[in-house]
Amino acid sequence: MKDIYELLNDIDIDETEFEEMEVTELEKAKVKRTLKKSISKKKKMKGWQKKVLAASIIFGLSTV
């Protein structure tokens, strides 16, 4: 999978479609924090995936 920054560099944006808005520092911080969380979000293992992994390890060790 490509790095997210490479993907962002490939995007062409038409700047005429956007209009400037007044935002507070609090809103800026909230958007920044949300963006950082979405970029650095780790993939978590779900409960059933842990059980399947544990079962496969136990099965693998018991057949040796």
PDB file of N, CA and C in Angstrom:
ATOM      1  N   MET A   1       0.840  -1.179   0.000  1.00  0.00           N
ATOM      2  CA  MET A   1       0.000   0.000   0.000  1.00  0.00           C
ATOM      3  C   MET A   1       0.881   1.236   0.000  1.00  0.00           C
ATOM      4  N   LYS A   2       0.493   2.211  -0.752  1.00  0.00           N
ATOM      5  CA  LYS A   2       1.269   3.442  -0.836  1.00  0.00           C
ATOM      6  C   LYS A   2       1.176   4.228   0.460  1.00  0.00           C
ATOM      7  N   ASP A   3       2.182   5.026   0.676  1.00  0.00           N
ATOM      8  CA  ASP A   3       2.181   5.921   1.820  1.00  0.00           C
ATOM      9  C   ASP A   3       1.085   6.967   1.622  1.00  0.00           C
ATOM     10  N   ILE A   4       0.424   7.367   2.704  1.00  0.00           N
ATOM     11  CA  ILE A   4      -0.703   8.295   2.603  1.00  0.00           C
ATOM     12  C   ILE A   4      -0.269   9.640   2.028  1.00  0.00           C
ATOM     13  N   TYR A   5       0.962  10.040   2.306  1.00  0.00           N
ATOM     14  CA  TYR A   5       1.440  11.320   1.793  1.00  0.00           C
ATOM     15  C   TYR A   5       1.637  11.273   0.280  1.00  0.00           C
ATOM     16  N   GLU A   6       2.056  10.111  -0.245  1.00  0.00           N
ATOM     17  CA  GLU A   6       2.174   9.961  -1.699  1.00  0.00           C
ATOM     18  C   GLU A   6       0.801  10.069  -2.351  1.00  0.00           C
ATOM     19  N   LEU A   7      -0.196   9.472  -1.718  1.00  0.00           N
ATOM     20  CA  LEU A   7      -1.555   9.540  -2.257  1.00  0.00           C
ATOM     21  C   LEU A   7      -2.079  10.968  -2.227  1.00  0.00           C
ATOM     22  N   LEU A   8      -1.791  11.702  -1.151  1.00  0.00           N
ATOM     23  CA  LEU A   8      -2.237  13.093  -1.067  1.00  0.00           C
ATOM     24  C   LEU A   8      -1.544  13.970  -2.096  1.00  0.00           C
ATOM     25  N   ASN A   9      -0.299  13.652  -2.426  1.00  0.00           N
ATOM     26  CA  ASN A   9       0.419  14.440  -3.429  1.00  0.00           C
ATOM     27  C   ASN A   9      -0.148  14.238  -4.829  1.00  0.00           C
ATOM     28  N   ASP A  10      -0.764  13.090  -5.067  1.00  0.00           N
ATOM     29  CA  ASP A  10      -1.304  12.780  -6.394  1.00  0.00           C
ATOM     30  C   ASP A  10      -2.671  13.402  -6.648  1.00  0.00           C
ATOM     31  N   ILE A  11      -3.285  13.999  -5.642  1.00  0.00           N
ATOM     32  CA  ILE A  11      -4.632  14.547  -5.772  1.00  0.00           C
ATOM     33  C   ILE A  11      -4.575  15.933  -6.417  1.00  0.00           C
ATOM     34  N   ASP A  12      -5.418  16.144  -7.421  1.00  0.00           N
ATOM     35  CA  ASP A  12      -5.548  17.460  -8.038  1.00  0.00           C
ATOM     36  C   ASP A  12      -6.772  18.150  -7.447  1.00  0.00           C
ATOM     37  N   ILE A  13      -6.559  19.351  -6.907  1.00  0.00           N
ATOM     38  CA  ILE A  13      -7.643  20.068  -6.238  1.00  0.00           C
ATOM     39  C   ILE A  13      -7.909  21.369  -6.989  1.00  0.00           C
ATOM     40  N   ASP A  14      -9.162  21.605  -7.296  1.00  0.00           N
ATOM     41  CA  ASP A  14      -9.564  22.853  -7.927  1.00  0.00           C
ATOM     42  C   ASP A  14      -9.899  23.853  -6.821  1.00  0.00           C
ATOM     43  N   GLU A  15      -9.040  24.832  -6.621  1.00  0.00           N
ATOM     44  CA  GLU A  15      -9.183  25.766  -5.506  1.00  0.00           C
ATOM     45  C   GLU A  15     -10.335  26.746  -5.683  1.00  0.00           C
ATOM     46  N   THR A  16     -10.890  26.853  -6.863  1.00  0.00           N
ATOM     47  CA  THR A  16     -11.990  27.795  -7.077  1.00  0.00           C
ATOM     48  C   THR A  16     -13.301  27.287  -6.480  1.00  0.00           C
ATOM     49  N   GLU A  17     -13.377  25.995  -6.165  1.00  0.00           N
ATOM     50  CA  GLU A  17     -14.593  25.419  -5.605  1.00  0.00           C
ATOM     51  C   GLU A  17     -14.750  25.717  -4.111  1.00  0.00           C
ATOM     52  N   PHE A  18     -13.692  26.193  -3.470  1.00  0.00           N
ATOM     53  CA  PHE A  18     -13.724  26.411  -2.030  1.00  0.00           C
ATOM     54  C   PHE A  18     -13.887  27.883  -1.697  1.00  0.00           C
ATOM     55  N   GLU A  19     -14.519  28.138  -0.568  1.00  0.00           N
ATOM     56  CA  GLU A  19     -14.633  29.500  -0.083  1.00  0.00           C
ATOM     57  C   GLU A  19     -14.040  29.554   1.320  1.00  0.00           C
ATOM     58  N   GLU A  20     -13.421  30.675   1.657  1.00  0.00           N
ATOM     59  CA  GLU A  20     -12.785  30.815   2.957  1.00  0.00           C
ATOM     60  C   GLU A  20     -13.823  31.066   4.040  1.00  0.00           C
ATOM     61  N   MET A  21     -13.559  30.488   5.203  1.00  0.00           N
ATOM     62  CA  MET A  21     -14.460  30.641   6.340  1.00  0.00           C
ATOM     63  C   MET A  21     -13.644  31.092   7.543  1.00  0.00           C
ATOM     64  N   GLU A  22     -14.299  31.806   8.431  1.00  0.00           N
ATOM     65  CA  GLU A  22     -13.666  32.181   9.691  1.00  0.00           C
ATOM     66  C   GLU A  22     -13.852  31.041  10.678  1.00  0.00           C
ATOM     67  N   VAL A  23     -12.762  30.569  11.250  1.00  0.00           N
ATOM     68  CA  VAL A  23     -12.838  29.505  12.249  1.00  0.00           C
ATOM     69  C   VAL A  23     -12.027  29.908  13.475  1.00  0.00           C
ATOM     70  N   THR A  24     -12.445  29.390  14.609  1.00  0.00           N
ATOM     71  CA  THR A  24     -11.739  29.688  15.848  1.00  0.00           C
ATOM     72  C   THR A  24     -10.550  28.743  16.008  1.00  0.00           C
ATOM     73  N   GLU A  25      -9.679  29.089  16.938  1.00  0.00           N
ATOM     74  CA  GLU A  25      -8.525  28.244  17.219  1.00  0.00           C
ATOM     75  C   GLU A  25      -8.974  26.878  17.765  1.00  0.00           C
ATOM     76  N   LEU A  26     -10.070  26.868  18.503  1.00  0.00           N
ATOM     77  CA  LEU A  26     -10.603  25.621  19.046  1.00  0.00           C
ATOM     78  C   LEU A  26     -11.047  24.678  17.923  1.00  0.00           C
ATOM     79  N   GLU A  27     -11.724  25.222  16.926  1.00  0.00           N
ATOM     80  CA  GLU A  27     -12.160  24.402  15.790  1.00  0.00           C
ATOM     81  C   GLU A  27     -10.968  23.886  14.996  1.00  0.00           C
ATOM     82  N   LYS A  28      -9.946  24.737  14.815  1.00  0.00           N
ATOM     83  CA  LYS A  28      -8.738  24.305  14.108  1.00  0.00           C
ATOM     84  C   LYS A  28      -8.069  23.146  14.837  1.00  0.00           C
ATOM     85  N   ALA A  29      -7.964  23.281  16.167  1.00  0.00           N
ATOM     86  CA  ALA A  29      -7.328  22.228  16.962  1.00  0.00           C
ATOM     87  C   ALA A  29      -8.111  20.929  16.879  1.00  0.00           C
ATOM     88  N   LYS A  30      -9.436  21.024  16.888  1.00  0.00           N
ATOM     89  CA  LYS A  30     -10.276  19.827  16.827  1.00  0.00           C
ATOM     90  C   LYS A  30     -10.098  19.100  15.488  1.00  0.00           C
ATOM     91  N   VAL A  31     -10.085  19.852  14.399  1.00  0.00           N
ATOM     92  CA  VAL A  31      -9.899  19.245  13.075  1.00  0.00           C
ATOM     93  C   VAL A  31      -8.514  18.629  12.968  1.00  0.00           C
ATOM     94  N   LYS A  32      -7.521  19.317  13.477  1.00  0.00           N
ATOM     95  CA  LYS A  32      -6.144  18.818  13.428  1.00  0.00           C
ATOM     96  C   LYS A  32      -6.014  17.514  14.209  1.00  0.00           C
ATOM     97  N   ARG A  33      -6.606  17.467  15.414  1.00  0.00           N
ATOM     98  CA  ARG A  33      -6.551  16.279  16.251  1.00  0.00           C
ATOM     99  C   ARG A  33      -7.267  15.104  15.579  1.00  0.00           C
ATOM    100  N   THR A  34      -8.414  15.371  14.987  1.00  0.00           N
ATOM    101  CA  THR A  34      -9.174  14.325  14.308  1.00  0.00           C
ATOM    102  C   THR A  34      -8.403  13.771  13.110  1.00  0.00           C
ATOM    103  N   LEU A  35      -7.756  14.651  12.367  1.00  0.00           N
ATOM    104  CA  LEU A  35      -6.974  14.219  11.211  1.00  0.00           C
ATOM    105  C   LEU A  35      -5.793  13.368  11.649  1.00  0.00           C
ATOM    106  N   LYS A  36      -5.109  13.770  12.700  1.00  0.00           N
ATOM    107  CA  LYS A  36      -3.977  12.989  13.194  1.00  0.00           C
ATOM    108  C   LYS A  36      -4.421  11.610  13.660  1.00  0.00           C
ATOM    109  N   LYS A  37      -5.561  11.548  14.339  1.00  0.00           N
ATOM    110  CA  LYS A  37      -6.075  10.261  14.807  1.00  0.00           C
ATOM    111  C   LYS A  37      -6.401   9.344  13.634  1.00  0.00           C
ATOM    112  N   SER A  38      -7.007   9.898  12.579  1.00  0.00           N
ATOM    113  CA  SER A  38      -7.398   9.061  11.445  1.00  0.00           C
ATOM    114  C   SER A  38      -6.184   8.568  10.672  1.00  0.00           C
ATOM    115  N   ILE A  39      -5.114   9.360  10.642  1.00  0.00           N
ATOM    116  CA  ILE A  39      -3.909   8.934   9.933  1.00  0.00           C
ATOM    117  C   ILE A  39      -3.166   7.873  10.726  1.00  0.00           C
ATOM    118  N   SER A  40      -3.055   8.061  12.032  1.00  0.00           N
ATOM    119  CA  SER A  40      -2.248   7.151  12.834  1.00  0.00           C
ATOM    120  C   SER A  40      -3.055   6.049  13.499  1.00  0.00           C
ATOM    121  N   LYS A  41      -4.281   5.856  13.063  1.00  0.00           N
ATOM    122  CA  LYS A  41      -5.134   4.829  13.676  1.00  0.00           C
ATOM    123  C   LYS A  41      -4.544   3.443  13.397  1.00  0.00           C
ATOM    124  N   LYS A  42      -4.346   2.685  14.454  1.00  0.00           N
ATOM    125  CA  LYS A  42      -3.827   1.333  14.308  1.00  0.00           C
ATOM    126  C   LYS A  42      -4.985   0.373  14.068  1.00  0.00           C
ATOM    127  N   LYS A  43      -4.698  -0.663  13.336  1.00  0.00           N
ATOM    128  CA  LYS A  43      -5.710  -1.667  13.077  1.00  0.00           C
ATOM    129  C   LYS A  43      -5.800  -2.576  14.289  1.00  0.00           C
ATOM    130  N   LYS A  44      -6.943  -2.579  14.949  1.00  0.00           N
ATOM    131  CA  LYS A  44      -7.122  -3.377  16.150  1.00  0.00           C
ATOM    132  C   LYS A  44      -7.735  -4.727  15.797  1.00  0.00           C
ATOM    133  N   MET A  45      -7.350  -5.718  16.562  1.00  0.00           N
ATOM    134  CA  MET A  45      -7.868  -7.057  16.348  1.00  0.00           C
ATOM    135  C   MET A  45      -9.213  -7.198  17.057  1.00  0.00           C
ATOM    136  N   LYS A  46     -10.175  -7.734  16.390  1.00  0.00           N
ATOM    137  CA  LYS A  46     -11.499  -7.933  16.977  1.00  0.00           C
ATOM    138  C   LYS A  46     -11.497  -9.189  17.842  1.00  0.00           C
ATOM    139  N   GLY A  47     -12.504  -9.307  18.687  1.00  0.00           N
ATOM    140  CA  GLY A  47     -12.588 -10.417  19.627  1.00  0.00           C
ATOM    141  C   GLY A  47     -12.566 -11.778  18.971  1.00  0.00           C
ATOM    142  N   TRP A  48     -13.337 -11.943  17.908  1.00  0.00           N
ATOM    143  CA  TRP A  48     -13.394 -13.256  17.264  1.00  0.00           C
ATOM    144  C   TRP A  48     -12.087 -13.565  16.554  1.00  0.00           C
ATOM    145  N   GLN A  49     -11.371 -12.549  16.108  1.00  0.00           N
ATOM    146  CA  GLN A  49     -10.087 -12.781  15.454  1.00  0.00           C
ATOM    147  C   GLN A  49      -9.053 -13.279  16.466  1.00  0.00           C
ATOM    148  N   LYS A  50      -9.111 -12.765  17.690  1.00  0.00           N
ATOM    149  CA  LYS A  50      -8.196 -13.230  18.731  1.00  0.00           C
ATOM    150  C   LYS A  50      -8.463 -14.695  19.050  1.00  0.00           C
ATOM    151  N   LYS A  51      -9.736 -15.073  19.104  1.00  0.00           N
ATOM    152  CA  LYS A  51     -10.085 -16.458  19.418  1.00  0.00           C
ATOM    153  C   LYS A  51      -9.616 -17.404  18.315  1.00  0.00           C
ATOM    154  N   VAL A  52      -9.773 -17.000  17.065  1.00  0.00           N
ATOM    155  CA  VAL A  52      -9.331 -17.831  15.940  1.00  0.00           C
ATOM    156  C   VAL A  52      -7.815 -17.960  15.958  1.00  0.00           C
ATOM    157  N   LEU A  53      -7.118 -16.883  16.251  1.00  0.00           N
ATOM    158  CA  LEU A  53      -5.668 -16.917  16.321  1.00  0.00           C
ATOM    159  C   LEU A  53      -5.202 -17.837  17.439  1.00  0.00           C
ATOM    160  N   ALA A  54      -5.820 -17.720  18.609  1.00  0.00           N
ATOM    161  CA  ALA A  54      -5.453 -18.573  19.733  1.00  0.00           C
ATOM    162  C   ALA A  54      -5.734 -20.043  19.422  1.00  0.00           C
ATOM    163  N   ALA A  55      -6.868 -20.325  18.811  1.00  0.00           N
ATOM    164  CA  ALA A  55      -7.211 -21.711  18.459  1.00  0.00           C
ATOM    165  C   ALA A  55      -6.218 -22.281  17.450  1.00  0.00           C
ATOM    166  N   SER A  56      -5.815 -21.493  16.484  1.00  0.00           N
ATOM    167  CA  SER A  56      -4.875 -21.995  15.471  1.00  0.00           C
ATOM    168  C   SER A  56      -3.500 -22.228  16.090  1.00  0.00           C
ATOM    169  N   ILE A  57      -3.094 -21.408  17.034  1.00  0.00           N
ATOM    170  CA  ILE A  57      -1.797 -21.633  17.697  1.00  0.00           C
ATOM    171  C   ILE A  57      -1.846 -22.891  18.535  1.00  0.00           C
ATOM    172  N   ILE A  58      -2.934 -23.084  19.273  1.00  0.00           N
ATOM    173  CA  ILE A  58      -3.064 -24.286  20.100  1.00  0.00           C
ATOM    174  C   ILE A  58      -3.119 -25.523  19.222  1.00  0.00           C
ATOM    175  N   PHE A  59      -3.829 -25.469  18.123  1.00  0.00           N
ATOM    176  CA  PHE A  59      -3.898 -26.612  17.216  1.00  0.00           C
ATOM    177  C   PHE A  59      -2.519 -26.907  16.623  1.00  0.00           C
ATOM    178  N   GLY A  60      -1.807 -25.854  16.235  1.00  0.00           N
ATOM    179  CA  GLY A  60      -0.483 -26.036  15.660  1.00  0.00           C
ATOM    180  C   GLY A  60       0.499 -26.640  16.644  1.00  0.00           C
ATOM    181  N   LEU A  61       0.428 -26.212  17.895  1.00  0.00           N
ATOM    182  CA  LEU A  61       1.336 -26.768  18.915  1.00  0.00           C
ATOM    183  C   LEU A  61       0.962 -28.196  19.304  1.00  0.00           C
ATOM    184  N   SER A  62      -0.310 -28.520  19.236  1.00  0.00           N
ATOM    185  CA  SER A  62      -0.735 -29.865  19.641  1.00  0.00           C
ATOM    186  C   SER A  62      -0.412 -30.897  18.562  1.00  0.00           C
ATOM    187  N   THR A  63      -0.245 -30.508  17.327  1.00  0.00           N
ATOM    188  CA  THR A  63       0.048 -31.470  16.257  1.00  0.00           C
ATOM    189  C   THR A  63       1.541 -31.764  16.147  1.00  0.00           C
ATOM    190  N   VAL A  64       2.370 -30.996  16.845  1.00  0.00           N
ATOM    191  CA  VAL A  64       3.835 -31.193  16.764  1.00  0.00           C
ATOM    192  C   VAL A  64       4.273 -32.332  17.586  1.00  0.00           C
TER     193      VAL A  64
END
